[in-house]
PDB file of all heavy atoms in Angstrom:
ATOM      1  N   LEU A   1     -11.410  22.581 -15.111  1.00  0.00           N
ATOM      2  CA  LEU A   1     -10.465  23.377 -15.884  1.00  0.00           C
ATOM      3  C   LEU A   1      -9.373  23.901 -14.963  1.00  0.00           C
ATOM      4  O   LEU A   1      -9.665  24.460 -13.896  1.00  0.00           O
ATOM      5  CB  LEU A   1     -11.190  24.539 -16.566  1.00  0.00           C
ATOM      6  CG  LEU A   1     -10.341  25.538 -17.338  1.00  0.00           C
ATOM      7  CD1 LEU A   1      -9.688  24.867 -18.536  1.00  0.00           C
ATOM      8  CD2 LEU A   1     -11.203  26.713 -17.778  1.00  0.00           C
ATOM      9  N   VAL A   2      -8.136  23.725 -15.380  1.00  0.00           N
ATOM     10  CA  VAL A   2      -7.005  24.180 -14.587  1.00  0.00           C
ATOM     11  C   VAL A   2      -5.933  24.712 -15.529  1.00  0.00           C
ATOM     12  O   VAL A   2      -5.809  24.261 -16.668  1.00  0.00           O
ATOM     13  CB  VAL A   2      -6.459  23.039 -13.701  1.00  0.00           C
ATOM     14  CG1 VAL A   2      -5.896  21.908 -14.554  1.00  0.00           C
ATOM     15  CG2 VAL A   2      -5.420  23.553 -12.716  1.00  0.00           C
ATOM     16  N   GLN A   3      -5.175  25.679 -15.063  1.00  0.00           N
ATOM     17  CA  GLN A   3      -4.089  26.224 -15.860  1.00  0.00           C
ATOM     18  C   GLN A   3      -2.866  25.316 -15.808  1.00  0.00           C
ATOM     19  O   GLN A   3      -2.660  24.576 -14.842  1.00  0.00           O
ATOM     20  CB  GLN A   3      -3.710  27.616 -15.370  1.00  0.00           C
ATOM     21  CG  GLN A   3      -4.787  28.666 -15.569  1.00  0.00           C
ATOM     22  CD  GLN A   3      -4.329  30.050 -15.182  1.00  0.00           C
ATOM     23  OE1 GLN A   3      -3.138  30.324 -15.068  1.00  0.00           O
ATOM     24  NE2 GLN A   3      -5.284  30.943 -14.981  1.00  0.00           N
ATOM     25  N   ALA A   4      -2.068  25.368 -16.861  1.00  0.00           N
ATOM     26  CA  ALA A   4      -0.833  24.601 -16.896  1.00  0.00           C
ATOM     27  C   ALA A   4       0.013  24.900 -15.669  1.00  0.00           C
ATOM     28  O   ALA A   4       0.146  26.053 -15.254  1.00  0.00           O
ATOM     29  CB  ALA A   4      -0.059  24.904 -18.171  1.00  0.00           C
ATOM     30  N   GLY A   5       0.587  23.838 -15.109  1.00  0.00           N
ATOM     31  CA  GLY A   5       1.365  23.967 -13.894  1.00  0.00           C
ATOM     32  C   GLY A   5       0.563  23.790 -12.627  1.00  0.00           C
ATOM     33  O   GLY A   5       1.147  23.645 -11.545  1.00  0.00           O
ATOM     34  N   GLY A   6      -0.740  23.779 -12.757  1.00  0.00           N
ATOM     35  CA  GLY A   6      -1.602  23.642 -11.607  1.00  0.00           C
ATOM     36  C   GLY A   6      -1.816  22.199 -11.206  1.00  0.00           C
ATOM     37  O   GLY A   6      -1.235  21.273 -11.772  1.00  0.00           O
ATOM     38  N   SER A   7      -2.680  22.025 -10.228  1.00  0.00           N
ATOM     39  CA  SER A   7      -2.953  20.711  -9.673  1.00  0.00           C
ATOM     40  C   SER A   7      -4.450  20.443  -9.640  1.00  0.00           C
ATOM     41  O   SER A   7      -5.269  21.365  -9.590  1.00  0.00           O
ATOM     42  CB  SER A   7      -2.403  20.590  -8.251  1.00  0.00           C
ATOM     43  OG  SER A   7      -1.000  20.729  -8.219  1.00  0.00           O
ATOM     44  N   LEU A   8      -4.773  19.178  -9.656  1.00  0.00           N
ATOM     45  CA  LEU A   8      -6.154  18.747  -9.582  1.00  0.00           C
ATOM     46  C   LEU A   8      -6.175  17.386  -8.907  1.00  0.00           C
ATOM     47  O   LEU A   8      -5.264  16.571  -9.119  1.00  0.00           O
ATOM     48  CB  LEU A   8      -6.759  18.668 -10.979  1.00  0.00           C
ATOM     49  CG  LEU A   8      -8.268  18.847 -11.161  1.00  0.00           C
ATOM     50  CD1 LEU A   8      -8.717  20.212 -10.648  1.00  0.00           C
ATOM     51  CD2 LEU A   8      -8.626  18.697 -12.631  1.00  0.00           C
ATOM     52  N   ARG A   9      -7.193  17.137  -8.116  1.00  0.00           N
ATOM     53  CA  ARG A   9      -7.336  15.872  -7.420  1.00  0.00           C
ATOM     54  C   ARG A   9      -8.660  15.230  -7.801  1.00  0.00           C
ATOM     55  O   ARG A   9      -9.723  15.796  -7.546  1.00  0.00           O
ATOM     56  CB  ARG A   9      -7.273  16.075  -5.910  1.00  0.00           C
ATOM     57  CG  ARG A   9      -7.386  14.811  -5.056  1.00  0.00           C
ATOM     58  CD  ARG A   9      -7.134  15.171  -3.595  1.00  0.00           C
ATOM     59  NE  ARG A   9      -7.294  14.063  -2.670  1.00  0.00           N
ATOM     60  CZ  ARG A   9      -8.375  13.854  -1.929  1.00  0.00           C
ATOM     61  NH1 ARG A   9      -9.418  14.672  -2.011  1.00  0.00           N
ATOM     62  NH2 ARG A   9      -8.408  12.829  -1.097  1.00  0.00           N
ATOM     63  N   LEU A  10      -8.579  14.073  -8.422  1.00  0.00           N
ATOM     64  CA  LEU A  10      -9.762  13.321  -8.798  1.00  0.00           C
ATOM     65  C   LEU A  10     -10.061  12.269  -7.743  1.00  0.00           C
ATOM     66  O   LEU A  10      -9.153  11.692  -7.142  1.00  0.00           O
ATOM     67  CB  LEU A  10      -9.571  12.639 -10.151  1.00  0.00           C
ATOM     68  CG  LEU A  10      -9.151  13.523 -11.330  1.00  0.00           C
ATOM     69  CD1 LEU A  10      -9.079  12.696 -12.600  1.00  0.00           C
ATOM     70  CD2 LEU A  10     -10.089  14.703 -11.493  1.00  0.00           C
ATOM     71  N   SER A  11     -11.337  12.015  -7.537  1.00  0.00           N
ATOM     72  CA  SER A  11     -11.773  10.985  -6.619  1.00  0.00           C
ATOM     73  C   SER A  11     -12.682  10.011  -7.350  1.00  0.00           C
ATOM     74  O   SER A  11     -13.378  10.383  -8.294  1.00  0.00           O
ATOM     75  CB  SER A  11     -12.531  11.585  -5.435  1.00  0.00           C
ATOM     76  OG  SER A  11     -11.722  12.478  -4.692  1.00  0.00           O
ATOM     77  N   CYS A  12     -12.678   8.791  -6.902  1.00  0.00           N
ATOM     78  CA  CYS A  12     -13.545   7.766  -7.449  1.00  0.00           C
ATOM     79  C   CYS A  12     -14.049   6.918  -6.297  1.00  0.00           C
ATOM     80  O   CYS A  12     -13.254   6.275  -5.601  1.00  0.00           O
ATOM     81  CB  CYS A  12     -12.792   6.911  -8.469  1.00  0.00           C
ATOM     82  SG  CYS A  12     -13.723   5.515  -9.136  1.00  0.00           S
ATOM     83  N   VAL A  13     -15.354   6.941  -6.085  1.00  0.00           N
ATOM     84  CA  VAL A  13     -15.975   6.199  -4.998  1.00  0.00           C
ATOM     85  C   VAL A  13     -16.664   4.974  -5.572  1.00  0.00           C
ATOM     86  O   VAL A  13     -17.435   5.076  -6.525  1.00  0.00           O
ATOM     87  CB  VAL A  13     -16.981   7.068  -4.228  1.00  0.00           C
ATOM     88  CG1 VAL A  13     -17.617   6.268  -3.098  1.00  0.00           C
ATOM     89  CG2 VAL A  13     -16.305   8.313  -3.675  1.00  0.00           C
ATOM     90  N   ALA A  14     -16.398   3.835  -4.988  1.00  0.00           N
ATOM     91  CA  ALA A  14     -16.949   2.573  -5.457  1.00  0.00           C
ATOM     92  C   ALA A  14     -18.054   2.086  -4.534  1.00  0.00           C
ATOM     93  O   ALA A  14     -18.004   2.288  -3.319  1.00  0.00           O
ATOM     94  CB  ALA A  14     -15.859   1.511  -5.547  1.00  0.00           C
ATOM     95  N   SER A  15     -19.030   1.437  -5.128  1.00  0.00           N
ATOM     96  CA  SER A  15     -20.078   0.798  -4.353  1.00  0.00           C
ATOM     97  C   SER A  15     -19.597  -0.562  -3.862  1.00  0.00           C
ATOM     98  O   SER A  15     -18.554  -1.060  -4.285  1.00  0.00           O
ATOM     99  CB  SER A  15     -21.341   0.636  -5.201  1.00  0.00           C
ATOM    100  OG  SER A  15     -21.110  -0.254  -6.282  1.00  0.00           O
ATOM    101  N   GLY A  16     -20.371  -1.154  -2.983  1.00  0.00           N
ATOM    102  CA  GLY A  16     -20.074  -2.498  -2.532  1.00  0.00           C
ATOM    103  C   GLY A  16     -19.275  -2.544  -1.249  1.00  0.00           C
ATOM    104  O   GLY A  16     -18.798  -1.523  -0.741  1.00  0.00           O
ATOM    105  N   ARG A  17     -19.115  -3.742  -0.777  1.00  0.00           N
ATOM    106  CA  ARG A  17     -18.419  -3.977   0.487  1.00  0.00           C
ATOM    107  C   ARG A  17     -17.091  -4.689   0.298  1.00  0.00           C
ATOM    108  O   ARG A  17     -16.467  -5.091   1.290  1.00  0.00           O
ATOM    109  CB  ARG A  17     -19.323  -4.799   1.417  1.00  0.00           C
ATOM    110  CG  ARG A  17     -20.691  -4.166   1.656  1.00  0.00           C
ATOM    111  CD  ARG A  17     -21.558  -5.023   2.557  1.00  0.00           C
ATOM    112  NE  ARG A  17     -21.075  -5.036   3.923  1.00  0.00           N
ATOM    113  CZ  ARG A  17     -21.387  -4.146   4.850  1.00  0.00           C
ATOM    114  NH1 ARG A  17     -22.203  -3.150   4.549  1.00  0.00           N
ATOM    115  NH2 ARG A  17     -20.896  -4.244   6.071  1.00  0.00           N
ATOM    116  N   THR A  18     -16.662  -4.836  -0.940  1.00  0.00           N
ATOM    117  CA  THR A  18     -15.432  -5.549  -1.237  1.00  0.00           C
ATOM    118  C   THR A  18     -14.428  -4.684  -1.984  1.00  0.00           C
ATOM    119  O   THR A  18     -13.597  -5.192  -2.734  1.00  0.00           O
ATOM    120  CB  THR A  18     -15.718  -6.824  -2.049  1.00  0.00           C
ATOM    121  OG1 THR A  18     -16.412  -6.492  -3.252  1.00  0.00           O
ATOM    122  CG2 THR A  18     -16.548  -7.806  -1.235  1.00  0.00           C
ATOM    123  N   PHE A  19     -14.480  -3.382  -1.773  1.00  0.00           N
ATOM    124  CA  PHE A  19     -13.591  -2.463  -2.466  1.00  0.00           C
ATOM    125  C   PHE A  19     -12.127  -2.822  -2.251  1.00  0.00           C
ATOM    126  O   PHE A  19     -11.303  -2.700  -3.161  1.00  0.00           O
ATOM    127  CB  PHE A  19     -13.859  -1.030  -2.001  1.00  0.00           C
ATOM    128  CG  PHE A  19     -12.927  -0.012  -2.596  1.00  0.00           C
ATOM    129  CD1 PHE A  19     -13.062   0.392  -3.907  1.00  0.00           C
ATOM    130  CD2 PHE A  19     -11.910   0.548  -1.825  1.00  0.00           C
ATOM    131  CE1 PHE A  19     -12.205   1.334  -4.461  1.00  0.00           C
ATOM    132  CE2 PHE A  19     -11.054   1.492  -2.365  1.00  0.00           C
ATOM    133  CZ  PHE A  19     -11.206   1.889  -3.686  1.00  0.00           C
ATOM    134  N   SER A  20     -11.805  -3.260  -1.050  1.00  0.00           N
ATOM    135  CA  SER A  20     -10.416  -3.560  -0.737  1.00  0.00           C
ATOM    136  C   SER A  20      -9.873  -4.749  -1.521  1.00  0.00           C
ATOM    137  O   SER A  20      -8.661  -4.980  -1.508  1.00  0.00           O
ATOM    138  CB  SER A  20     -10.251  -3.815   0.767  1.00  0.00           C
ATOM    139  OG  SER A  20     -11.007  -4.942   1.178  1.00  0.00           O
ATOM    140  N   SER A  21     -10.736  -5.490  -2.194  1.00  0.00           N
ATOM    141  CA  SER A  21     -10.290  -6.612  -3.008  1.00  0.00           C
ATOM    142  C   SER A  21     -10.016  -6.215  -4.456  1.00  0.00           C
ATOM    143  O   SER A  21      -9.545  -7.040  -5.234  1.00  0.00           O
ATOM    144  CB  SER A  21     -11.325  -7.740  -2.982  1.00  0.00           C
ATOM    145  OG  SER A  21     -12.494  -7.386  -3.685  1.00  0.00           O
ATOM    146  N   TYR A  22     -10.298  -4.964  -4.817  1.00  0.00           N
ATOM    147  CA  TYR A  22     -10.106  -4.517  -6.190  1.00  0.00           C
ATOM    148  C   TYR A  22      -8.769  -3.823  -6.355  1.00  0.00           C
ATOM    149  O   TYR A  22      -8.387  -2.981  -5.540  1.00  0.00           O
ATOM    150  CB  TYR A  22     -11.177  -3.503  -6.617  1.00  0.00           C
ATOM    151  CG  TYR A  22     -12.611  -3.847  -6.310  1.00  0.00           C
ATOM    152  CD1 TYR A  22     -13.540  -2.826  -6.117  1.00  0.00           C
ATOM    153  CD2 TYR A  22     -13.055  -5.159  -6.224  1.00  0.00           C
ATOM    154  CE1 TYR A  22     -14.863  -3.114  -5.850  1.00  0.00           C
ATOM    155  CE2 TYR A  22     -14.377  -5.451  -5.944  1.00  0.00           C
ATOM    156  CZ  TYR A  22     -15.280  -4.422  -5.763  1.00  0.00           C
ATOM    157  OH  TYR A  22     -16.600  -4.703  -5.489  1.00  0.00           O
ATOM    158  N   ALA A  23      -8.072  -4.161  -7.418  1.00  0.00           N
ATOM    159  CA  ALA A  23      -7.052  -3.253  -7.917  1.00  0.00           C
ATOM    160  C   ALA A  23      -7.768  -2.139  -8.678  1.00  0.00           C
ATOM    161  O   ALA A  23      -8.770  -2.383  -9.355  1.00  0.00           O
ATOM    162  CB  ALA A  23      -6.068  -3.975  -8.830  1.00  0.00           C
ATOM    163  N   MET A  24      -7.286  -0.924  -8.543  1.00  0.00           N
ATOM    164  CA  MET A  24      -7.949   0.215  -9.160  1.00  0.00           C
ATOM    165  C   MET A  24      -6.999   0.911 -10.128  1.00  0.00           C
ATOM    166  O   MET A  24      -5.870   1.250  -9.764  1.00  0.00           O
ATOM    167  CB  MET A  24      -8.420   1.205  -8.098  1.00  0.00           C
ATOM    168  CG  MET A  24      -9.493   0.654  -7.167  1.00  0.00           C
ATOM    169  SD  MET A  24     -11.054   0.275  -8.024  1.00  0.00           S
ATOM    170  CE  MET A  24     -11.521   1.905  -8.625  1.00  0.00           C
ATOM    171  N   GLY A  25      -7.487   1.114 -11.329  1.00  0.00           N
ATOM    172  CA  GLY A  25      -6.703   1.775 -12.351  1.00  0.00           C
ATOM    173  C   GLY A  25      -7.291   3.114 -12.735  1.00  0.00           C
ATOM    174  O   GLY A  25      -8.483   3.374 -12.540  1.00  0.00           O
ATOM    175  N   TRP A  26      -6.447   3.973 -13.265  1.00  0.00           N
ATOM    176  CA  TRP A  26      -6.862   5.228 -13.875  1.00  0.00           C
ATOM    177  C   TRP A  26      -6.437   5.228 -15.331  1.00  0.00           C
ATOM    178  O   TRP A  26      -5.313   4.830 -15.656  1.00  0.00           O
ATOM    179  CB  TRP A  26      -6.255   6.437 -13.160  1.00  0.00           C
ATOM    180  CG  TRP A  26      -6.890   6.762 -11.848  1.00  0.00           C
ATOM    181  CD1 TRP A  26      -6.468   6.384 -10.612  1.00  0.00           C
ATOM    182  CD2 TRP A  26      -8.060   7.561 -11.641  1.00  0.00           C
ATOM    183  NE1 TRP A  26      -7.299   6.884  -9.649  1.00  0.00           N
ATOM    184  CE2 TRP A  26      -8.285   7.613 -10.248  1.00  0.00           C
ATOM    185  CE3 TRP A  26      -8.943   8.228 -12.490  1.00  0.00           C
ATOM    186  CZ2 TRP A  26      -9.353   8.309  -9.687  1.00  0.00           C
ATOM    187  CZ3 TRP A  26     -10.004   8.921 -11.937  1.00  0.00           C
ATOM    188  CH2 TRP A  26     -10.200   8.956 -10.556  1.00  0.00           C
ATOM    189  N   PHE A  27      -7.339   5.669 -16.186  1.00  0.00           N
ATOM    190  CA  PHE A  27      -7.092   5.800 -17.614  1.00  0.00           C
ATOM    191  C   PHE A  27      -7.523   7.177 -18.064  1.00  0.00           C
ATOM    192  O   PHE A  27      -8.273   7.870 -17.373  1.00  0.00           O
ATOM    193  CB  PHE A  27      -7.868   4.734 -18.404  1.00  0.00           C
ATOM    194  CG  PHE A  27      -7.362   3.336 -18.218  1.00  0.00           C
ATOM    195  CD1 PHE A  27      -7.675   2.607 -17.081  1.00  0.00           C
ATOM    196  CD2 PHE A  27      -6.575   2.740 -19.193  1.00  0.00           C
ATOM    197  CE1 PHE A  27      -7.216   1.315 -16.908  1.00  0.00           C
ATOM    198  CE2 PHE A  27      -6.103   1.447 -19.038  1.00  0.00           C
ATOM    199  CZ  PHE A  27      -6.427   0.738 -17.893  1.00  0.00           C
ATOM    200  N   ARG A  28      -7.073   7.562 -19.237  1.00  0.00           N
ATOM    201  CA  ARG A  28      -7.525   8.815 -19.822  1.00  0.00           C
ATOM    202  C   ARG A  28      -7.660   8.650 -21.328  1.00  0.00           C
ATOM    203  O   ARG A  28      -7.000   7.813 -21.940  1.00  0.00           O
ATOM    204  CB  ARG A  28      -6.574   9.970 -19.489  1.00  0.00           C
ATOM    205  CG  ARG A  28      -5.179   9.835 -20.086  1.00  0.00           C
ATOM    206  CD  ARG A  28      -4.280  10.943 -19.552  1.00  0.00           C
ATOM    207  NE  ARG A  28      -2.955  10.909 -20.152  1.00  0.00           N
ATOM    208  CZ  ARG A  28      -1.963  11.714 -19.805  1.00  0.00           C
ATOM    209  NH1 ARG A  28      -2.146  12.633 -18.847  1.00  0.00           N
ATOM    210  NH2 ARG A  28      -0.780  11.616 -20.399  1.00  0.00           N
ATOM    211  N   GLN A  29      -8.517   9.461 -21.902  1.00  0.00           N
ATOM    212  CA  GLN A  29      -8.753   9.401 -23.337  1.00  0.00           C
ATOM    213  C   GLN A  29      -8.999  10.800 -23.874  1.00  0.00           C
ATOM    214  O   GLN A  29      -9.935  11.481 -23.459  1.00  0.00           O
ATOM    215  CB  GLN A  29      -9.947   8.496 -23.660  1.00  0.00           C
ATOM    216  CG  GLN A  29     -10.138   8.247 -25.141  1.00  0.00           C
ATOM    217  CD  GLN A  29     -11.120   7.125 -25.413  1.00  0.00           C
ATOM    218  OE1 GLN A  29     -11.968   6.812 -24.579  1.00  0.00           O
ATOM    219  NE2 GLN A  29     -11.002   6.507 -26.576  1.00  0.00           N
ATOM    220  N   ALA A  30      -8.146  11.209 -24.781  1.00  0.00           N
ATOM    221  CA  ALA A  30      -8.295  12.474 -25.469  1.00  0.00           C
ATOM    222  C   ALA A  30      -9.045  12.246 -26.776  1.00  0.00           C
ATOM    223  O   ALA A  30      -9.039  11.140 -27.315  1.00  0.00           O
ATOM    224  CB  ALA A  30      -6.931  13.096 -25.741  1.00  0.00           C
ATOM    225  N   PRO A  31      -9.701  13.273 -27.305  1.00  0.00           N
ATOM    226  CA  PRO A  31     -10.439  13.109 -28.562  1.00  0.00           C
ATOM    227  C   PRO A  31      -9.559  12.569 -29.670  1.00  0.00           C
ATOM    228  O   PRO A  31      -8.447  13.055 -29.890  1.00  0.00           O
ATOM    229  CB  PRO A  31     -10.918  14.526 -28.873  1.00  0.00           C
ATOM    230  CG  PRO A  31     -11.008  15.190 -27.539  1.00  0.00           C
ATOM    231  CD  PRO A  31      -9.860  14.628 -26.753  1.00  0.00           C
ATOM    232  N   GLY A  32     -10.054  11.557 -30.357  1.00  0.00           N
ATOM    233  CA  GLY A  32      -9.324  10.971 -31.461  1.00  0.00           C
ATOM    234  C   GLY A  32      -8.194  10.044 -31.079  1.00  0.00           C
ATOM    235  O   GLY A  32      -7.489   9.552 -31.966  1.00  0.00           O
ATOM    236  N   LYS A  33      -8.017   9.798 -29.800  1.00  0.00           N
ATOM    237  CA  LYS A  33      -6.940   8.939 -29.340  1.00  0.00           C
ATOM    238  C   LYS A  33      -7.495   7.748 -28.577  1.00  0.00           C
ATOM    239  O   LYS A  33      -8.626   7.761 -28.103  1.00  0.00           O
ATOM    240  CB  LYS A  33      -5.969   9.714 -28.448  1.00  0.00           C
ATOM    241  CG  LYS A  33      -5.280  10.880 -29.128  1.00  0.00           C
ATOM    242  CD  LYS A  33      -4.280  11.549 -28.214  1.00  0.00           C
ATOM    243  CE  LYS A  33      -3.103  10.655 -27.907  1.00  0.00           C
ATOM    244  NZ  LYS A  33      -2.076  11.353 -27.075  1.00  0.00           N
ATOM    245  N   GLU A  34      -6.678   6.712 -28.484  1.00  0.00           N
ATOM    246  CA  GLU A  34      -7.063   5.536 -27.731  1.00  0.00           C
ATOM    247  C   GLU A  34      -7.045   5.821 -26.240  1.00  0.00           C
ATOM    248  O   GLU A  34      -6.341   6.720 -25.767  1.00  0.00           O
ATOM    249  CB  GLU A  34      -6.123   4.371 -28.040  1.00  0.00           C
ATOM    250  CG  GLU A  34      -6.172   3.882 -29.475  1.00  0.00           C
ATOM    251  CD  GLU A  34      -5.252   2.709 -29.716  1.00  0.00           C
ATOM    252  OE1 GLU A  34      -4.425   2.396 -28.834  1.00  0.00           O
ATOM    253  OE2 GLU A  34      -5.358   2.093 -30.787  1.00  0.00           O
ATOM    254  N   ARG A  35      -7.828   5.046 -25.512  1.00  0.00           N
ATOM    255  CA  ARG A  35      -7.798   5.156 -24.066  1.00  0.00           C
ATOM    256  C   ARG A  35      -6.428   4.724 -23.555  1.00  0.00           C
ATOM    257  O   ARG A  35      -5.926   3.662 -23.920  1.00  0.00           O
ATOM    258  CB  ARG A  35      -8.909   4.306 -23.449  1.00  0.00           C
ATOM    259  CG  ARG A  35      -9.134   4.593 -21.972  1.00  0.00           C
ATOM    260  CD  ARG A  35     -10.479   4.044 -21.509  1.00  0.00           C
ATOM    261  NE  ARG A  35     -11.589   4.688 -22.193  1.00  0.00           N
ATOM    262  CZ  ARG A  35     -12.864   4.497 -21.880  1.00  0.00           C
ATOM    263  NH1 ARG A  35     -13.190   3.688 -20.875  1.00  0.00           N
ATOM    264  NH2 ARG A  35     -13.813   5.114 -22.562  1.00  0.00           N
ATOM    265  N   GLU A  36      -5.843   5.537 -22.711  1.00  0.00           N
ATOM    266  CA  GLU A  36      -4.459   5.400 -22.302  1.00  0.00           C
ATOM    267  C   GLU A  36      -4.361   5.076 -20.822  1.00  0.00           C
ATOM    268  O   GLU A  36      -4.997   5.718 -19.982  1.00  0.00           O
ATOM    269  CB  GLU A  36      -3.709   6.703 -22.613  1.00  0.00           C
ATOM    270  CG  GLU A  36      -2.271   6.753 -22.142  1.00  0.00           C
ATOM    271  CD  GLU A  36      -1.658   8.128 -22.297  1.00  0.00           C
ATOM    272  OE1 GLU A  36      -2.418   9.120 -22.363  1.00  0.00           O
ATOM    273  OE2 GLU A  36      -0.425   8.225 -22.368  1.00  0.00           O
ATOM    274  N   PHE A  37      -3.539   4.111 -20.501  1.00  0.00           N
ATOM    275  CA  PHE A  37      -3.273   3.757 -19.113  1.00  0.00           C
ATOM    276  C   PHE A  37      -2.524   4.878 -18.418  1.00  0.00           C
ATOM    277  O   PHE A  37      -1.537   5.404 -18.939  1.00  0.00           O
ATOM    278  CB  PHE A  37      -2.454   2.467 -19.075  1.00  0.00           C
ATOM    279  CG  PHE A  37      -1.977   2.072 -17.712  1.00  0.00           C
ATOM    280  CD1 PHE A  37      -2.828   1.463 -16.811  1.00  0.00           C
ATOM    281  CD2 PHE A  37      -0.662   2.300 -17.332  1.00  0.00           C
ATOM    282  CE1 PHE A  37      -2.388   1.084 -15.558  1.00  0.00           C
ATOM    283  CE2 PHE A  37      -0.211   1.928 -16.085  1.00  0.00           C
ATOM    284  CZ  PHE A  37      -1.078   1.321 -15.192  1.00  0.00           C
ATOM    285  N   VAL A  38      -2.989   5.229 -17.234  1.00  0.00           N
ATOM    286  CA  VAL A  38      -2.341   6.250 -16.413  1.00  0.00           C
ATOM    287  C   VAL A  38      -1.605   5.623 -15.239  1.00  0.00           C
ATOM    288  O   VAL A  38      -0.438   5.918 -14.992  1.00  0.00           O
ATOM    289  CB  VAL A  38      -3.364   7.285 -15.917  1.00  0.00           C
ATOM    290  CG1 VAL A  38      -2.715   8.254 -14.927  1.00  0.00           C
ATOM    291  CG2 VAL A  38      -3.965   8.048 -17.086  1.00  0.00           C
TER     292      VAL A  38
END
């Protein structure tokens, strides 16, 4: 939870030894809405 105007940093750690071969995307989904490309 953060107030408007604030900042937040998300992290995502992947398993495996080939992480550098992946393109990585971020998406978000609000209730009642489609998953959205970020």
